[in-house]
Amino acid sequence: MIKKGLILLMGLLNDGVMAISVLLLSGVGMFSRKVRTYLSARVASYQGIKELLKEKPGSTIIFCSSVGEFEQVVPLIEEMEARKKNCVILFHSANGYHYSRRLGYAHCYLTPFDFFLHYYYLLWKLKTQVSVVNRHEFWFGFMNAASILGKVYLINVVEKKQALIYSPLFKLAQSLSEHVFFVNKERDLNKHCSSPGDTKTDRIRKRYEREKEQIKLLKSSFPSDKPILVIGSAYGEDAEILRSAFEMESSNAKNWRVVVLPARPYESQRIKQLNFKANDVIVTEEYGTLFHYYALATLIWVGGGFSAGIHNTLEGCFLEKPMISGSKLNHQPDALLMMKSNNLNTFSTALELNQILNLVPAFYSLKNQATRSPTQSILNKIYS
């Protein structure tokens, strides 16, 4: 009772802070389109409250934010459906919400402002006993209400020793939680803390099974006379390093067939402006086919390591492919794990790239990481 009383006080304090924040944002919104868009999404969310309250009593709440985080929780949603468990997905990001609806997922709603009393009423009406918070969506109005009325579980949490694990916000979130499921924690695991891995691994596994025939078709239509380097989610900076490697007098890059898949249309324009003279460099804008090209690669170059930071390495890990990247890993847990097990090598110059292409690094398979199911481990714990 004492703990719940303290949580109630924290919730009321949260509402005071939120009220002030909304007033301040309203003022800033007069000058900022981005802030106005954010406020409009929060206001629009109230239109869906009536539908939300019609959901089946006792439904599990899954709280996430963006498109990428929704991809992480899809395996949970599908496995819960298989287990006849009802769930409702709350989105803080309008992009994540609209993406889920385009894919045909029902029971998805935008979150309102993070007021404790508001969430307490919603969760009480829904008779929610289990709430799941994905990644680092620590909204304390929601979490305080959910912890009073039931149990809160944090999933896909990344251990960032300097930026997260010792921060007051994370410690507060952990104190409100029944169990924390980490992606990459290796030490100090206990009954309230485990490390099953990233649930997106299960999403990749199912996609591979679903798209096997498309991958086979691409392989059969692609020349196999040279080893294939696939640069996924490429930025202009990645392509500049590649061009420099081709222009070197003793270039090993010329012995490879290269496929470049730009990170976004703007980067595609930058890359094409470099005018690769080599016939064995293909720049393709077939968005959504990155996984297919990764499957036929001899070596995967994960883009972003020379600019915004390395992109996702889970696909390469699942396909058991050697990977390289620029050195900006931005504390990505998957990339750091790949580095530790020699599945990912970083480089900084065209000369270093040429050296790698002359001798592709040996690949030490992460079978245990790729074949286990984080989703099963998490749901077995929650519903045990």
Protein backbone atom coordinates (compact mmCIF):
# COMPACT_ATOMS: atom_id res chain seq x y z
CA MET A 1 0.00 0.00 0.00
CA ILE A 2 2.85 2.40 0.83
CA LYS A 3 4.43 1.77 -2.57
CA LYS A 4 1.14 2.34 -4.39
CA GLY A 5 0.62 5.53 -2.39
CA LEU A 6 4.02 6.81 -3.52
CA ILE A 7 3.23 5.87 -7.12
CA LEU A 8 -0.07 7.76 -6.85
CA LEU A 9 1.79 10.86 -5.62
CA MET A 10 4.31 10.51 -8.48
CA GLY A 11 1.41 10.23 -10.90
CA LEU A 12 -0.20 13.43 -9.62
CA LEU A 13 3.17 15.21 -9.77
CA ASN A 14 3.54 13.96 -13.35
CA ASP A 15 0.17 15.51 -14.22
CA GLY A 16 1.29 18.88 -12.90
CA VAL A 17 4.45 18.76 -14.97
CA MET A 18 2.47 17.62 -18.03
CA ALA A 19 -0.04 20.46 -17.68
CA ILE A 20 2.79 23.01 -17.63
CA SER A 21 4.50 21.27 -20.57
CA VAL A 22 1.33 21.34 -22.69
CA LEU A 23 0.91 25.06 -22.02
CA LEU A 24 4.53 25.76 -22.96
CA LEU A 25 4.31 23.62 -26.10
CA SER A 26 1.15 25.44 -27.12
CA GLY A 27 3.09 28.68 -27.04
CA VAL A 28 6.05 27.23 -28.96
CA GLY A 29 3.61 25.73 -31.48
CA MET A 30 2.79 29.22 -32.71
CA PHE A 31 6.27 29.33 -34.24
CA SER A 32 7.09 25.65 -34.89
CA ARG A 33 5.27 23.47 -37.41
CA LYS A 34 6.81 20.33 -35.92
CA VAL A 35 5.42 21.15 -32.46
CA ARG A 36 2.00 21.93 -33.96
CA THR A 37 2.00 18.54 -35.70
CA TYR A 38 2.85 16.84 -32.40
CA LEU A 39 0.08 18.65 -30.53
CA SER A 40 -2.43 17.92 -33.30
CA ALA A 41 -1.64 14.20 -33.08
CA ARG A 42 -2.22 14.24 -29.32
CA VAL A 43 -5.53 16.10 -29.69
CA ALA A 44 -6.65 13.80 -32.53
CA SER A 45 -5.98 10.78 -30.30
CA TYR A 46 -8.97 11.66 -28.12
CA GLN A 47 -11.26 10.84 -31.04
CA GLY A 48 -10.23 7.19 -30.71
CA ILE A 49 -10.86 6.91 -26.97
CA LYS A 50 -14.46 5.73 -27.42
CA GLU A 51 -13.28 2.91 -29.70
CA LEU A 52 -10.46 2.05 -27.31
CA LEU A 53 -12.93 1.63 -24.45
CA LYS A 54 -14.84 -0.93 -26.57
CA GLU A 55 -11.85 -3.31 -26.55
CA LYS A 56 -12.22 -6.59 -24.69
CA PRO A 57 -11.76 -6.26 -20.92
CA GLY A 58 -8.44 -7.59 -19.70
CA SER A 59 -6.59 -6.87 -22.97
CA THR A 60 -2.83 -6.54 -22.67
CA ILE A 61 -1.56 -3.04 -23.52
CA ILE A 62 1.57 -2.78 -25.70
CA PHE A 63 3.07 0.72 -25.65
CA CYS A 64 5.48 1.65 -28.45
CA SER A 65 6.41 4.63 -30.57
CA SER A 66 7.81 4.61 -34.08
CA VAL A 67 7.73 2.36 -37.17
CA GLY A 68 10.90 0.54 -36.10
CA GLU A 69 9.54 -0.16 -32.64
CA PHE A 70 6.29 -1.46 -34.11
CA GLU A 71 8.34 -3.93 -36.18
CA GLN A 72 9.80 -5.15 -32.90
CA VAL A 73 6.42 -5.81 -31.30
CA VAL A 74 4.79 -7.48 -34.35
CA PRO A 75 6.14 -10.93 -33.29
CA LEU A 76 4.55 -10.40 -29.85
CA ILE A 77 1.22 -9.44 -31.40
CA GLU A 78 1.20 -12.48 -33.69
CA GLU A 79 2.26 -14.90 -30.95
CA MET A 80 -0.34 -13.48 -28.56
CA GLU A 81 -3.02 -14.00 -31.19
CA ALA A 82 -1.86 -17.62 -31.53
CA ARG A 83 -2.18 -17.98 -27.76
CA LYS A 84 -5.67 -16.42 -27.79
CA LYS A 85 -4.48 -13.39 -25.80
CA ASN A 86 -6.09 -10.03 -26.62
CA CYS A 87 -3.85 -7.00 -27.00
CA VAL A 88 -4.14 -3.29 -27.72
CA ILE A 89 -1.25 -1.27 -29.20
CA LEU A 90 -0.75 2.35 -28.15
CA PHE A 91 1.46 4.59 -30.29
CA HIS A 92 3.13 7.80 -29.25
CA SER A 93 4.25 8.43 -32.85
CA ALA A 94 1.66 9.25 -35.51
CA ASN A 95 4.00 7.68 -38.11
CA GLY A 96 4.04 4.38 -36.23
CA TYR A 97 0.27 4.45 -35.85
CA HIS A 98 -0.44 5.14 -39.53
CA TYR A 99 2.12 2.51 -40.58
CA SER A 100 0.38 -0.15 -38.48
CA ARG A 101 -3.01 0.72 -39.96
CA ARG A 102 -1.64 0.56 -43.52
CA LEU A 103 -0.45 -2.97 -42.76
CA GLY A 104 -3.95 -3.87 -41.67
CA TYR A 105 -3.41 -4.19 -37.92
CA ALA A 106 -6.48 -3.48 -35.83
CA HIS A 107 -6.60 -2.53 -32.13
CA CYS A 108 -4.08 0.31 -32.70
CA TYR A 109 -4.54 3.77 -31.15
CA LEU A 110 -2.66 7.04 -30.78
CA THR A 111 -1.81 7.95 -27.21
CA PRO A 112 -3.24 11.12 -25.66
CA PHE A 113 -1.20 13.47 -23.50
CA ASP A 114 0.62 11.55 -20.78
CA PHE A 115 -1.71 12.39 -17.88
CA PHE A 116 -1.74 9.85 -15.05
CA LEU A 117 -5.41 10.33 -14.14
CA HIS A 118 -6.46 9.92 -17.75
CA TYR A 119 -4.56 6.64 -18.15
CA TYR A 120 -5.76 5.41 -14.77
CA TYR A 121 -9.34 5.81 -15.96
CA LEU A 122 -8.65 4.10 -19.33
CA LEU A 123 -6.80 1.13 -17.84
CA TRP A 124 -9.36 0.77 -15.06
CA LYS A 125 -12.21 0.68 -17.59
CA LEU A 126 -10.29 -1.87 -19.71
CA LYS A 127 -9.48 -3.96 -16.61
CA THR A 128 -5.90 -4.18 -17.85
CA GLN A 129 -3.66 -6.46 -15.78
CA VAL A 130 -0.59 -6.59 -18.06
CA SER A 131 1.14 -3.67 -19.79
CA VAL A 132 4.20 -4.03 -22.02
CA VAL A 133 6.46 -1.06 -22.75
CA ASN A 134 8.76 -1.44 -25.77
CA ARG A 135 12.31 -0.07 -25.91
CA HIS A 136 12.61 3.16 -23.88
CA GLU A 137 9.11 4.62 -24.05
CA PHE A 138 9.15 5.68 -20.41
CA TRP A 139 6.00 7.79 -20.17
CA PHE A 140 5.38 7.92 -16.45
CA GLY A 141 1.74 8.95 -16.50
CA PHE A 142 1.00 5.68 -18.27
CA MET A 143 3.54 3.60 -16.33
CA ASN A 144 2.40 4.85 -12.91
CA ALA A 145 -1.23 4.05 -13.71
CA ALA A 146 -0.37 0.64 -15.22
CA SER A 147 1.78 -0.37 -12.22
CA ILE A 148 -1.00 0.46 -9.72
CA LEU A 149 -3.65 -1.49 -11.65
CA GLY A 150 -1.50 -4.41 -12.78
CA LYS A 151 2.01 -5.41 -13.86
CA VAL A 152 4.38 -3.57 -16.21
CA TYR A 153 7.04 -5.31 -18.33
CA LEU A 154 9.84 -3.53 -20.20
CA ILE A 155 11.01 -5.29 -23.37
CA ASN A 156 13.83 -4.78 -25.90
CA VAL A 157 15.67 -2.50 -23.48
CA VAL A 158 19.22 -1.58 -24.47
CA GLU A 159 21.87 -1.47 -21.77
CA LYS A 160 23.78 1.79 -22.24
CA LYS A 161 26.14 1.92 -19.31
CA GLN A 162 26.85 5.62 -19.51
CA ALA A 163 23.57 6.95 -20.90
CA LEU A 164 20.76 4.75 -19.65
CA ILE A 165 21.30 2.03 -17.10
CA TYR A 166 22.39 4.41 -14.32
CA SER A 167 20.09 7.27 -15.24
CA PRO A 168 17.35 8.29 -12.79
CA LEU A 169 14.66 7.85 -15.45
CA PHE A 170 15.58 4.25 -16.14
CA LYS A 171 15.86 3.43 -12.45
CA LEU A 172 12.40 4.88 -11.91
CA ALA A 173 11.00 2.87 -14.84
CA GLN A 174 12.64 -0.27 -13.50
CA SER A 175 11.15 0.30 -10.04
CA LEU A 176 7.67 0.38 -11.61
CA SER A 177 8.26 -2.83 -13.57
CA GLU A 178 7.72 -6.48 -12.76
CA HIS A 179 10.48 -7.59 -15.15
CA VAL A 180 12.95 -6.01 -17.60
CA PHE A 181 13.86 -7.87 -20.80
CA PHE A 182 17.17 -6.60 -22.17
CA VAL A 183 18.54 -6.99 -25.69
CA ASN A 184 22.19 -7.09 -24.71
CA LYS A 185 22.72 -7.34 -20.95
CA GLU A 186 25.38 -9.92 -20.01
CA ARG A 187 25.78 -9.51 -16.23
CA ASP A 188 23.70 -9.13 -13.08
CA LEU A 189 20.73 -11.08 -14.48
CA ASN A 190 18.14 -12.16 -11.90
CA LYS A 191 14.45 -13.01 -11.48
CA HIS A 192 13.50 -9.40 -12.33
CA CYS A 193 15.94 -8.98 -15.19
CA SER A 194 16.79 -11.21 -18.19
CA SER A 195 18.31 -10.87 -21.66
CA PRO A 196 16.41 -12.90 -24.30
CA GLY A 197 17.51 -10.72 -27.24
CA ASP A 198 15.68 -8.53 -29.75
CA THR A 199 12.16 -9.63 -30.71
CA LYS A 200 12.78 -8.28 -34.22
CA THR A 201 14.85 -11.44 -34.79
CA ASP A 202 11.56 -13.36 -34.92
CA ARG A 203 10.18 -10.87 -37.44
CA ILE A 204 13.19 -11.46 -39.69
CA ARG A 205 12.88 -15.23 -39.34
CA LYS A 206 9.25 -15.22 -40.43
CA ARG A 207 9.98 -12.88 -43.32
CA TYR A 208 12.72 -15.20 -44.56
CA GLU A 209 10.34 -18.17 -44.52
CA ARG A 210 7.69 -16.13 -46.31
CA GLU A 211 10.01 -14.74 -49.02
CA LYS A 212 12.27 -17.72 -49.73
CA GLU A 213 11.02 -18.10 -53.31
CA GLN A 214 11.58 -14.41 -54.11
CA ILE A 215 15.14 -14.68 -52.78
CA LYS A 216 15.79 -17.80 -54.90
CA LEU A 217 14.45 -16.01 -57.99
CA LEU A 218 16.77 -13.04 -57.42
CA LYS A 219 19.76 -15.36 -56.93
CA SER A 220 19.03 -17.24 -60.15
CA SER A 221 18.83 -14.00 -62.16
CA PHE A 222 22.03 -12.49 -60.74
CA PRO A 223 25.47 -13.19 -62.25
CA SER A 224 27.68 -15.30 -59.98
CA ASP A 225 31.05 -14.87 -61.71
CA LYS A 226 32.30 -12.48 -58.99
CA PRO A 227 31.83 -12.17 -55.23
CA ILE A 228 29.01 -9.77 -54.40
CA LEU A 229 29.30 -6.80 -52.06
CA VAL A 230 25.90 -5.40 -51.03
CA ILE A 231 25.88 -1.93 -49.45
CA GLY A 232 22.56 -1.60 -47.61
CA SER A 233 21.05 1.67 -46.33
CA ALA A 234 23.90 3.51 -48.06
CA TYR A 235 24.65 7.20 -47.61
CA GLY A 236 26.66 9.48 -49.86
CA GLU A 237 29.63 9.17 -47.50
CA ASP A 238 29.62 5.36 -47.90
CA ALA A 239 29.60 5.71 -51.68
CA GLU A 240 32.49 8.21 -51.64
CA ILE A 241 34.67 5.69 -49.79
CA LEU A 242 33.68 3.04 -52.36
CA ARG A 243 34.58 5.29 -55.28
CA SER A 244 37.95 6.08 -53.72
CA ALA A 245 38.58 2.34 -53.37
CA PHE A 246 37.80 1.79 -57.06
CA GLU A 247 40.13 4.62 -58.07
CA MET A 248 43.13 3.21 -56.21
CA GLU A 249 45.86 1.86 -58.47
CA SER A 250 45.84 -1.63 -56.96
CA SER A 251 42.13 -1.87 -56.36
CA ASN A 252 40.64 -5.08 -54.98
CA ALA A 253 37.18 -3.50 -55.29
CA LYS A 254 37.34 -4.12 -59.05
CA ASN A 255 37.23 -7.85 -58.38
CA TRP A 256 33.76 -7.52 -56.83
CA ARG A 257 30.27 -6.94 -58.15
CA VAL A 258 28.72 -4.19 -56.01
CA VAL A 259 25.04 -3.50 -55.34
CA VAL A 260 24.22 -0.21 -53.61
CA LEU A 261 20.82 0.29 -51.97
CA PRO A 262 20.47 3.92 -50.80
CA ALA A 263 19.03 4.69 -47.37
CA ARG A 264 16.49 7.13 -48.84
CA PRO A 265 15.73 8.95 -52.13
CA TYR A 266 17.87 11.97 -51.26
CA GLU A 267 20.89 9.73 -50.64
CA SER A 268 20.19 7.98 -53.95
CA GLN A 269 20.62 11.28 -55.76
CA ARG A 270 23.90 11.94 -53.97
CA ILE A 271 25.23 8.49 -54.83
CA LYS A 272 24.26 8.68 -58.51
CA GLN A 273 26.03 12.04 -58.83
CA LEU A 274 29.33 10.27 -58.08
CA ASN A 275 29.15 8.70 -61.58
CA PHE A 276 30.74 5.32 -60.97
CA LYS A 277 32.66 4.39 -64.11
CA ALA A 278 32.86 0.72 -63.17
CA ASN A 279 30.26 -1.49 -64.86
CA ASP A 280 30.02 -3.72 -61.81
CA VAL A 281 28.43 -1.11 -59.55
CA ILE A 282 24.63 -1.20 -59.53
CA VAL A 283 22.64 1.47 -57.70
CA THR A 284 19.08 0.26 -57.16
CA GLU A 285 16.10 2.03 -55.62
CA GLU A 286 14.04 -1.12 -55.07
CA TYR A 287 13.01 -0.17 -51.57
CA GLY A 288 11.82 -3.12 -49.53
CA THR A 289 14.23 -5.57 -51.23
CA LEU A 290 17.25 -5.00 -48.98
CA PHE A 291 16.74 -8.35 -47.24
CA HIS A 292 16.64 -10.14 -50.61
CA TYR A 293 19.95 -8.62 -51.74
CA TYR A 294 21.54 -9.32 -48.36
CA ALA A 295 20.65 -13.00 -48.90
CA LEU A 296 22.72 -13.21 -52.10
CA ALA A 297 25.67 -11.16 -50.77
CA THR A 298 29.14 -12.58 -50.23
CA LEU A 299 29.82 -9.61 -47.95
CA ILE A 300 27.40 -7.06 -46.47
CA TRP A 301 28.37 -3.43 -45.96
CA VAL A 302 25.88 -1.92 -43.49
CA GLY A 303 25.50 1.76 -44.35
CA GLY A 304 25.51 4.80 -42.09
CA GLY A 305 28.85 4.15 -40.39
CA PHE A 306 30.40 7.23 -41.99
CA SER A 307 27.46 9.58 -41.36
CA ALA A 308 24.32 9.15 -39.24
CA GLY A 309 25.44 5.92 -37.57
CA ILE A 310 25.23 2.26 -38.55
CA HIS A 311 21.85 0.82 -39.52
CA ASN A 312 20.36 -2.52 -38.47
CA THR A 313 22.69 -5.57 -38.45
CA LEU A 314 20.11 -8.19 -37.42
CA GLU A 315 19.33 -9.25 -41.01
CA GLY A 316 22.98 -9.99 -41.72
CA CYS A 317 23.30 -11.89 -38.45
CA PHE A 318 20.26 -14.04 -39.22
CA LEU A 319 21.54 -14.78 -42.74
CA GLU A 320 24.99 -15.64 -41.30
CA LYS A 321 26.83 -13.18 -43.53
CA PRO A 322 30.09 -11.37 -42.76
CA MET A 323 29.53 -7.63 -42.33
CA ILE A 324 31.57 -4.45 -42.54
CA SER A 325 30.78 -0.81 -41.78
CA GLY A 326 32.22 2.56 -41.02
CA SER A 327 33.23 3.13 -37.42
CA LYS A 328 30.18 5.14 -36.22
CA LEU A 329 28.29 2.43 -34.34
CA ASN A 330 26.47 4.89 -32.05
CA HIS A 331 26.33 2.30 -29.25
CA GLN A 332 23.99 0.07 -31.30
CA PRO A 333 23.74 -3.09 -29.16
CA ASP A 334 23.47 -5.47 -32.12
CA ALA A 335 26.44 -3.91 -33.88
CA LEU A 336 28.56 -4.01 -30.72
CA LEU A 337 27.66 -7.67 -30.26
CA MET A 338 28.64 -8.38 -33.89
CA MET A 339 31.98 -6.64 -33.31
CA LYS A 340 32.65 -8.66 -30.19
CA SER A 341 32.13 -11.96 -32.03
CA ASN A 342 34.05 -10.92 -35.18
CA ASN A 343 30.92 -10.89 -37.34
CA LEU A 344 31.33 -7.18 -38.04
CA ASN A 345 34.53 -5.36 -38.99
CA THR A 346 34.84 -1.59 -39.16
CA PHE A 347 37.09 0.49 -41.40
CA SER A 348 37.84 4.18 -41.90
CA THR A 349 39.55 4.57 -45.28
CA ALA A 350 39.42 3.28 -48.86
CA LEU A 351 42.77 1.56 -48.26
CA GLU A 352 41.32 -0.39 -45.32
CA LEU A 353 38.29 -1.31 -47.45
CA ASN A 354 40.59 -2.69 -50.16
CA GLN A 355 42.43 -4.77 -47.58
CA ILE A 356 39.13 -6.24 -46.35
CA LEU A 357 37.98 -7.02 -49.89
CA ASN A 358 41.26 -8.85 -50.54
CA LEU A 359 40.59 -11.18 -47.62
CA VAL A 360 36.97 -11.41 -46.51
CA PRO A 361 36.93 -11.89 -42.72
CA ALA A 362 36.03 -15.30 -41.39
CA PHE A 363 32.48 -15.48 -40.12
CA TYR A 364 31.85 -16.99 -36.72
CA SER A 365 28.17 -17.91 -36.72
CA LEU A 366 25.96 -16.63 -33.93
CA LYS A 367 23.68 -19.66 -34.11
CA ASN A 368 22.37 -19.24 -30.57
CA GLN A 369 21.48 -15.60 -31.19
CA ALA A 370 19.84 -16.22 -34.57
CA THR A 371 17.84 -19.36 -33.84
CA ARG A 372 16.35 -18.76 -30.41
CA SER A 373 13.03 -16.95 -30.09
CA PRO A 374 13.07 -13.87 -27.84
CA THR A 375 9.30 -13.53 -28.27
CA GLN A 376 8.62 -16.99 -26.83
CA SER A 377 10.91 -16.31 -23.87
CA ILE A 378 9.20 -13.00 -23.07
CA LEU A 379 5.61 -14.27 -23.32
CA ASN A 380 6.40 -17.42 -21.36
CA LYS A 381 7.65 -15.21 -18.53
CA ILE A 382 4.74 -12.74 -18.66
CA TYR A 383 2.00 -15.34 -18.77
CA SER A 384 3.62 -17.95 -16.54
